[in-house]
Amino acid sequence: STHTVEALVKLQAELVELQNQVFSIGNEVSSNEDLTKHPEVDSYIQQLRGFSPKLQDALEQLQKEYFTVMGKHPEKPRKPKTHAKILCGQSEEDLRSQARKRIGSRPYRAQAMDLVSEF
């Protein structure tokens, strides 16, 4: 409905405002110590804490509207399947096993140091 769209547009504008505020704070400080002393950090954190429940409410409202229109609940997002990482034609596990074989007969500390440097 138009009410939901208006609410989402309002939330998007509020998010952009928060992002601009944090970018300006970030540009004004040079270290974490300066950041703790910046006068706008507390108000930014309070606004961010206030934004989260509004966003959650908008999500619930959008899900209810989806159910009303579609007659079913929205599907939960699926996590992407992780594929075996391949580097130089070998999988990550193959590379790790080769590194373990090379350093197998050394003391533990030396093995750990070699493993880190090998991999």
C-alpha atoms as a PDB file:
ATOM      1  CA  SER A   1       0.000   0.000   0.000  1.00  0.00           C
ATOM      2  CA  THR A   2       0.995   3.629  -0.285  1.00  0.00           C
ATOM      3  CA  HIS A   3       1.323   3.890   3.491  1.00  0.00           C
ATOM      4  CA  THR A   4       3.981   1.165   3.530  1.00  0.00           C
ATOM      5  CA  VAL A   5       5.865   2.720   0.634  1.00  0.00           C
ATOM      6  CA  GLU A   6       5.810   6.125   2.329  1.00  0.00           C
ATOM      7  CA  ALA A   7       7.095   4.600   5.558  1.00  0.00           C
ATOM      8  CA  LEU A   8       9.943   2.871   3.696  1.00  0.00           C
ATOM      9  CA  VAL A   9      10.883   6.081   1.868  1.00  0.00           C
ATOM     10  CA  LYS A  10      10.902   7.932   5.191  1.00  0.00           C
ATOM     11  CA  LEU A  11      13.139   5.253   6.732  1.00  0.00           C
ATOM     12  CA  GLN A  12      15.491   5.411   3.765  1.00  0.00           C
ATOM     13  CA  ALA A  13      15.774   9.203   4.129  1.00  0.00           C
ATOM     14  CA  GLU A  14      16.468   8.774   7.844  1.00  0.00           C
ATOM     15  CA  LEU A  15      19.164   6.184   7.104  1.00  0.00           C
ATOM     16  CA  VAL A  16      20.846   8.502   4.596  1.00  0.00           C
ATOM     17  CA  GLU A  17      20.783  11.243   7.226  1.00  0.00           C
ATOM     18  CA  LEU A  18      22.424   8.909   9.758  1.00  0.00           C
ATOM     19  CA  GLN A  19      25.056   7.878   7.227  1.00  0.00           C
ATOM     20  CA  ASN A  20      25.873  11.494   6.417  1.00  0.00           C
ATOM     21  CA  GLN A  21      26.181  12.265  10.103  1.00  0.00           C
ATOM     22  CA  VAL A  22      28.590   9.397  10.745  1.00  0.00           C
ATOM     23  CA  PHE A  23      30.660  10.290   7.667  1.00  0.00           C
ATOM     24  CA  SER A  24      31.009  13.863   8.876  1.00  0.00           C
ATOM     25  CA  ILE A  25      32.025  12.632  12.342  1.00  0.00           C
ATOM     26  CA  GLY A  26      34.571  10.305  10.744  1.00  0.00           C
ATOM     27  CA  ASN A  27      36.050  13.130   8.685  1.00  0.00           C
ATOM     28  CA  GLU A  28      36.419  15.372  11.720  1.00  0.00           C
ATOM     29  CA  VAL A  29      38.343  12.917  13.912  1.00  0.00           C
ATOM     30  CA  SER A  30      41.768  11.426  13.374  1.00  0.00           C
ATOM     31  CA  SER A  31      41.900   8.724  16.049  1.00  0.00           C
ATOM     32  CA  ASN A  32      39.686   6.581  18.256  1.00  0.00           C
ATOM     33  CA  GLU A  33      40.547   8.767  21.232  1.00  0.00           C
ATOM     34  CA  ASP A  34      39.257  11.834  19.392  1.00  0.00           C
ATOM     35  CA  LEU A  35      36.159   9.876  18.453  1.00  0.00           C
ATOM     36  CA  THR A  36      35.259   9.226  22.090  1.00  0.00           C
ATOM     37  CA  LYS A  37      35.469  12.961  22.782  1.00  0.00           C
ATOM     38  CA  HIS A  38      33.450  14.087  19.752  1.00  0.00           C
ATOM     39  CA  PRO A  39      30.245  15.860  20.845  1.00  0.00           C
ATOM     40  CA  GLU A  40      28.010  14.316  18.144  1.00  0.00           C
ATOM     41  CA  VAL A  41      28.821  10.649  18.836  1.00  0.00           C
ATOM     42  CA  ASP A  42      26.314  10.274  21.675  1.00  0.00           C
ATOM     43  CA  SER A  43      23.458  11.754  19.673  1.00  0.00           C
ATOM     44  CA  TYR A  44      24.371   9.551  16.683  1.00  0.00           C
ATOM     45  CA  ILE A  45      24.281   6.413  18.850  1.00  0.00           C
ATOM     46  CA  GLN A  46      20.908   7.412  20.327  1.00  0.00           C
ATOM     47  CA  GLN A  47      19.481   8.041  16.852  1.00  0.00           C
ATOM     48  CA  LEU A  48      20.840   4.710  15.658  1.00  0.00           C
ATOM     49  CA  ARG A  49      19.241   2.917  18.610  1.00  0.00           C
ATOM     50  CA  GLY A  50      15.944   4.627  17.822  1.00  0.00           C
ATOM     51  CA  PHE A  51      16.202   3.683  14.145  1.00  0.00           C
ATOM     52  CA  SER A  52      16.474  -0.061  14.739  1.00  0.00           C
ATOM     53  CA  PRO A  53      12.953  -0.569  16.202  1.00  0.00           C
ATOM     54  CA  LYS A  54      11.451   1.573  13.437  1.00  0.00           C
ATOM     55  CA  LEU A  55      13.145  -0.602  10.842  1.00  0.00           C
ATOM     56  CA  GLN A  56      11.948  -3.769  12.588  1.00  0.00           C
ATOM     57  CA  ASP A  57       8.368  -2.460  12.664  1.00  0.00           C
ATOM     58  CA  ALA A  58       8.537  -1.608   8.962  1.00  0.00           C
ATOM     59  CA  LEU A  59       9.783  -5.111   8.206  1.00  0.00           C
ATOM     60  CA  GLU A  60       6.921  -6.686  10.143  1.00  0.00           C
ATOM     61  CA  GLN A  61       4.410  -4.429   8.399  1.00  0.00           C
ATOM     62  CA  LEU A  62       5.869  -5.347   5.005  1.00  0.00           C
ATOM     63  CA  GLN A  63       5.682  -9.065   5.837  1.00  0.00           C
ATOM     64  CA  LYS A  64       2.044  -8.727   6.904  1.00  0.00           C
ATOM     65  CA  GLU A  65       1.208  -6.909   3.700  1.00  0.00           C
ATOM     66  CA  TYR A  66       3.016  -9.573   1.683  1.00  0.00           C
ATOM     67  CA  PHE A  67       0.920 -12.247   3.400  1.00  0.00           C
ATOM     68  CA  THR A  68      -2.259 -10.299   2.671  1.00  0.00           C
ATOM     69  CA  VAL A  69      -1.443 -10.006  -1.029  1.00  0.00           C
ATOM     70  CA  MET A  70       0.251 -13.338  -1.714  1.00  0.00           C
ATOM     71  CA  GLY A  71      -1.573 -15.552   0.783  1.00  0.00           C
ATOM     72  CA  LYS A  72       1.673 -17.014   2.116  1.00  0.00           C
ATOM     73  CA  HIS A  73       4.550 -15.915   4.292  1.00  0.00           C
ATOM     74  CA  PRO A  74       7.690 -14.647   2.578  1.00  0.00           C
ATOM     75  CA  GLU A  75      10.470 -17.181   2.253  1.00  0.00           C
ATOM     76  CA  LYS A  76      13.451 -16.798   4.499  1.00  0.00           C
ATOM     77  CA  PRO A  77      16.595 -15.860   2.582  1.00  0.00           C
ATOM     78  CA  ARG A  78      18.804 -18.832   1.899  1.00  0.00           C
ATOM     79  CA  LYS A  79      22.454 -18.818   2.732  1.00  0.00           C
ATOM     80  CA  PRO A  80      24.615 -19.229  -0.343  1.00  0.00           C
ATOM     81  CA  LYS A  81      26.405 -22.538  -0.621  1.00  0.00           C
ATOM     82  CA  THR A  82      30.091 -22.250  -0.053  1.00  0.00           C
ATOM     83  CA  HIS A  83      32.173 -23.867  -2.712  1.00  0.00           C
ATOM     84  CA  ALA A  84      35.617 -25.287  -2.081  1.00  0.00           C
ATOM     85  CA  LYS A  85      38.185 -22.577  -2.669  1.00  0.00           C
ATOM     86  CA  ILE A  86      40.553 -23.477  -5.461  1.00  0.00           C
ATOM     87  CA  LEU A  87      43.933 -21.833  -5.789  1.00  0.00           C
ATOM     88  CA  CYS A  88      46.466 -22.804  -8.444  1.00  0.00           C
ATOM     89  CA  GLY A  89      44.331 -25.781  -9.408  1.00  0.00           C
ATOM     90  CA  GLN A  90      44.230 -27.182  -5.861  1.00  0.00           C
ATOM     91  CA  SER A  91      41.587 -26.941  -3.183  1.00  0.00           C
ATOM     92  CA  GLU A  92      42.227 -25.235   0.124  1.00  0.00           C
ATOM     93  CA  GLU A  93      42.219 -28.595   1.938  1.00  0.00           C
ATOM     94  CA  ASP A  94      44.832 -30.039  -0.468  1.00  0.00           C
ATOM     95  CA  LEU A  95      47.098 -27.063   0.128  1.00  0.00           C
ATOM     96  CA  ARG A  96      46.696 -27.392   3.901  1.00  0.00           C
ATOM     97  CA  SER A  97      47.476 -31.134   3.833  1.00  0.00           C
ATOM     98  CA  GLN A  98      50.605 -30.533   1.747  1.00  0.00           C
ATOM     99  CA  ALA A  99      51.783 -27.878   4.200  1.00  0.00           C
ATOM    100  CA  ARG A 100      51.177 -30.271   7.117  1.00  0.00           C
ATOM    101  CA  LYS A 101      53.199 -33.017   5.401  1.00  0.00           C
ATOM    102  CA  ARG A 102      56.158 -30.684   4.847  1.00  0.00           C
ATOM    103  CA  ILE A 103      56.373 -29.690   8.495  1.00  0.00           C
ATOM    104  CA  GLY A 104      55.259 -32.938  10.174  1.00  0.00           C
ATOM    105  CA  SER A 105      58.533 -33.967  11.883  1.00  0.00           C
ATOM    106  CA  ARG A 106      59.419 -30.648  13.555  1.00  0.00           C
ATOM    107  CA  PRO A 107      58.581 -29.562  17.142  1.00  0.00           C
ATOM    108  CA  TYR A 108      55.124 -28.063  17.639  1.00  0.00           C
ATOM    109  CA  ARG A 109      56.198 -24.417  17.898  1.00  0.00           C
ATOM    110  CA  ALA A 110      58.349 -24.665  14.791  1.00  0.00           C
ATOM    111  CA  GLN A 111      55.536 -26.509  13.027  1.00  0.00           C
ATOM    112  CA  ALA A 112      53.082 -23.732  13.898  1.00  0.00           C
ATOM    113  CA  MET A 113      55.450 -21.028  12.674  1.00  0.00           C
ATOM    114  CA  ASP A 114      56.168 -22.926   9.475  1.00  0.00           C
ATOM    115  CA  LEU A 115      52.468 -23.599   8.870  1.00  0.00           C
ATOM    116  CA  VAL A 116      51.669 -19.924   9.177  1.00  0.00           C
ATOM    117  CA  SER A 117      54.499 -18.957   6.828  1.00  0.00           C
ATOM    118  CA  GLU A 118      53.722 -21.739   4.345  1.00  0.00           C
ATOM    119  CA  PHE A 119      50.022 -21.036   4.137  1.00  0.00           C
END
